[in-house]
Amino acid sequence: MVLVNATQKTVLTNQCRFANTFWKRLVGLLNRRSLRTGEGLLLDRCYGIHTIGMRFAIDVLFLDQDLRVLRTVEALPPFRSCAVKRAVYVLELPVGTIRRTRTEAGDQIQLRTADMESPAAAPAQA
């Protein structure tokens, strides 16, 4: 699945996995050595994460039920935690994604399938 920052008209991830079960959320990125550019993990029904046991830092977006960015965390290192009580989703991304896409609190994120038109060609939504 593809996640796009509709506000900035940038692609956050074009290879996003959806962690929508207890086990998928529990394992998260623990079995990974890194995230490549374009990869991501969207955690459903989640307001807090930890990087205990991880081998690499990640960029993190906390999203509300409408996929609006509540908070950004750049380069969260291993063995840390953070939470936003109002968040419903957490998007984990490779370090540098937040800066590269100019993503900030208040931005609207859109979920798209890979066969939809490119975000640059898509009309802006109000």
Protein backbone atom coordinates (compact mmCIF):
# COMPACT_ATOMS: atom_id res chain seq x y z
CA MET A 1 0.00 0.00 0.00
CA VAL A 2 1.03 3.59 -0.62
CA LEU A 3 0.80 6.43 1.91
CA VAL A 4 0.93 9.97 0.59
CA ASN A 5 1.24 13.29 2.40
CA ALA A 6 -1.59 15.04 0.55
CA THR A 7 -0.75 18.38 2.16
CA GLN A 8 2.85 18.39 0.90
CA LYS A 9 2.09 16.28 -2.21
CA THR A 10 4.85 13.80 -1.39
CA VAL A 11 4.98 10.00 -1.13
CA LEU A 12 5.84 8.76 2.38
CA THR A 13 5.97 5.06 1.55
CA ASN A 14 5.12 3.00 -1.51
CA GLN A 15 5.80 -0.35 0.19
CA CYS A 16 3.87 -0.11 3.44
CA ARG A 17 2.82 -3.11 5.46
CA PHE A 18 -0.31 -2.91 7.65
CA ALA A 19 -0.02 -4.26 11.20
CA ASN A 20 -3.66 -4.78 12.13
CA THR A 21 -3.46 -7.80 14.42
CA PHE A 22 -2.02 -8.22 17.89
CA TRP A 23 0.88 -10.35 16.63
CA LYS A 24 1.77 -8.06 13.73
CA ARG A 25 1.81 -5.06 16.09
CA LEU A 26 3.80 -6.99 18.69
CA VAL A 27 6.53 -8.04 16.24
CA GLY A 28 6.51 -4.75 14.32
CA LEU A 29 10.03 -4.12 12.99
CA LEU A 30 11.84 -6.28 15.56
CA ASN A 31 12.75 -8.91 12.98
CA ARG A 32 14.29 -6.34 10.61
CA ARG A 33 17.85 -5.06 10.27
CA SER A 34 16.75 -1.84 8.54
CA LEU A 35 14.03 -0.10 6.57
CA ARG A 36 14.84 0.80 2.99
CA THR A 37 13.69 4.03 1.37
CA GLY A 38 10.04 3.58 0.40
CA GLU A 39 9.25 0.99 3.08
CA GLY A 40 7.01 1.56 6.07
CA LEU A 41 4.85 -0.06 8.72
CA LEU A 42 1.40 1.29 9.64
CA LEU A 43 0.29 0.15 13.10
CA ASP A 44 -3.49 0.05 13.59
CA ARG A 45 -5.14 0.87 16.95
CA CYS A 46 -1.87 2.11 18.36
CA TYR A 47 -0.92 5.25 20.26
CA GLY A 48 2.53 4.35 21.56
CA ILE A 49 5.61 2.49 20.39
CA HIS A 50 9.00 1.39 21.66
CA THR A 51 12.24 0.55 19.90
CA ILE A 52 13.53 -1.83 22.55
CA GLY A 53 15.37 -4.64 20.77
CA MET A 54 15.52 -2.81 17.45
CA ARG A 55 18.81 -2.39 15.60
CA PHE A 56 18.15 0.95 13.90
CA ALA A 57 16.48 4.32 14.34
CA ILE A 58 13.16 5.19 12.66
CA ASP A 59 11.06 8.23 11.81
CA VAL A 60 7.60 8.07 13.39
CA LEU A 61 4.27 9.71 12.58
CA PHE A 62 1.39 9.59 15.06
CA LEU A 63 -1.94 9.86 13.22
CA ASP A 64 -5.54 10.42 14.32
CA GLN A 65 -8.56 8.49 13.07
CA ASP A 66 -8.70 10.67 9.93
CA LEU A 67 -5.00 10.07 9.17
CA ARG A 68 -4.03 13.62 10.14
CA VAL A 69 -0.53 13.95 11.62
CA LEU A 70 -0.64 14.66 15.36
CA ARG A 71 3.10 14.47 16.02
CA THR A 72 6.33 13.70 14.19
CA VAL A 73 9.40 12.09 15.75
CA GLU A 74 12.59 12.11 13.69
CA ALA A 75 15.27 9.45 14.10
CA LEU A 76 13.89 7.71 17.20
CA PRO A 77 16.88 5.60 18.29
CA PRO A 78 16.78 2.01 19.61
CA PHE A 79 15.73 1.47 23.25
CA ARG A 80 13.37 4.47 23.39
CA SER A 81 9.61 4.87 23.60
CA CYS A 82 7.07 7.55 22.77
CA ALA A 83 3.30 7.90 22.78
CA VAL A 84 0.50 10.26 21.81
CA LYS A 85 -2.71 9.36 23.65
CA ARG A 86 -4.99 10.71 20.89
CA ALA A 87 -3.28 8.69 18.14
CA VAL A 88 -5.11 5.83 16.43
CA TYR A 89 -2.34 4.89 13.98
CA VAL A 90 1.44 5.02 14.08
CA LEU A 91 3.48 5.06 10.88
CA GLU A 92 7.10 3.87 11.14
CA LEU A 93 9.40 5.03 8.36
CA PRO A 94 13.10 5.07 7.45
CA VAL A 95 15.12 7.87 9.02
CA GLY A 96 15.08 10.97 6.82
CA THR A 97 11.56 10.45 5.45
CA ILE A 98 9.98 13.17 7.60
CA ARG A 99 12.59 15.74 6.55
CA ARG A 100 12.61 14.69 2.87
CA THR A 101 8.81 14.91 2.60
CA ARG A 102 8.53 18.04 4.78
CA THR A 103 5.88 16.28 6.88
CA GLU A 104 4.65 18.15 9.96
CA ALA A 105 1.82 18.12 12.49
CA GLY A 106 -1.49 18.92 10.82
CA ASP A 107 -0.63 17.36 7.45
CA GLN A 108 -3.26 15.07 5.90
CA ILE A 109 -2.10 11.57 4.99
CA GLN A 110 -3.91 9.52 2.35
CA LEU A 111 -3.90 5.78 1.85
CA ARG A 112 -3.73 4.65 -1.76
CA THR A 113 -3.32 1.36 -3.54
CA ALA A 114 -0.35 0.91 -5.86
CA ASP A 115 -2.58 0.96 -8.97
CA MET A 116 -4.03 4.43 -8.27
CA GLU A 117 -2.75 7.45 -10.12
CA SER A 118 0.44 9.09 -8.88
CA PRO A 119 0.07 11.73 -6.13
CA ALA A 120 1.53 14.42 -8.38
CA ALA A 121 -1.23 13.81 -10.94
CA ALA A 122 -4.02 13.46 -8.39
CA PRO A 123 -6.24 16.48 -7.77
CA ALA A 124 -5.85 18.12 -4.38
CA GLN A 125 -8.65 17.44 -1.91
CA ALA A 126 -10.12 20.14 0.26
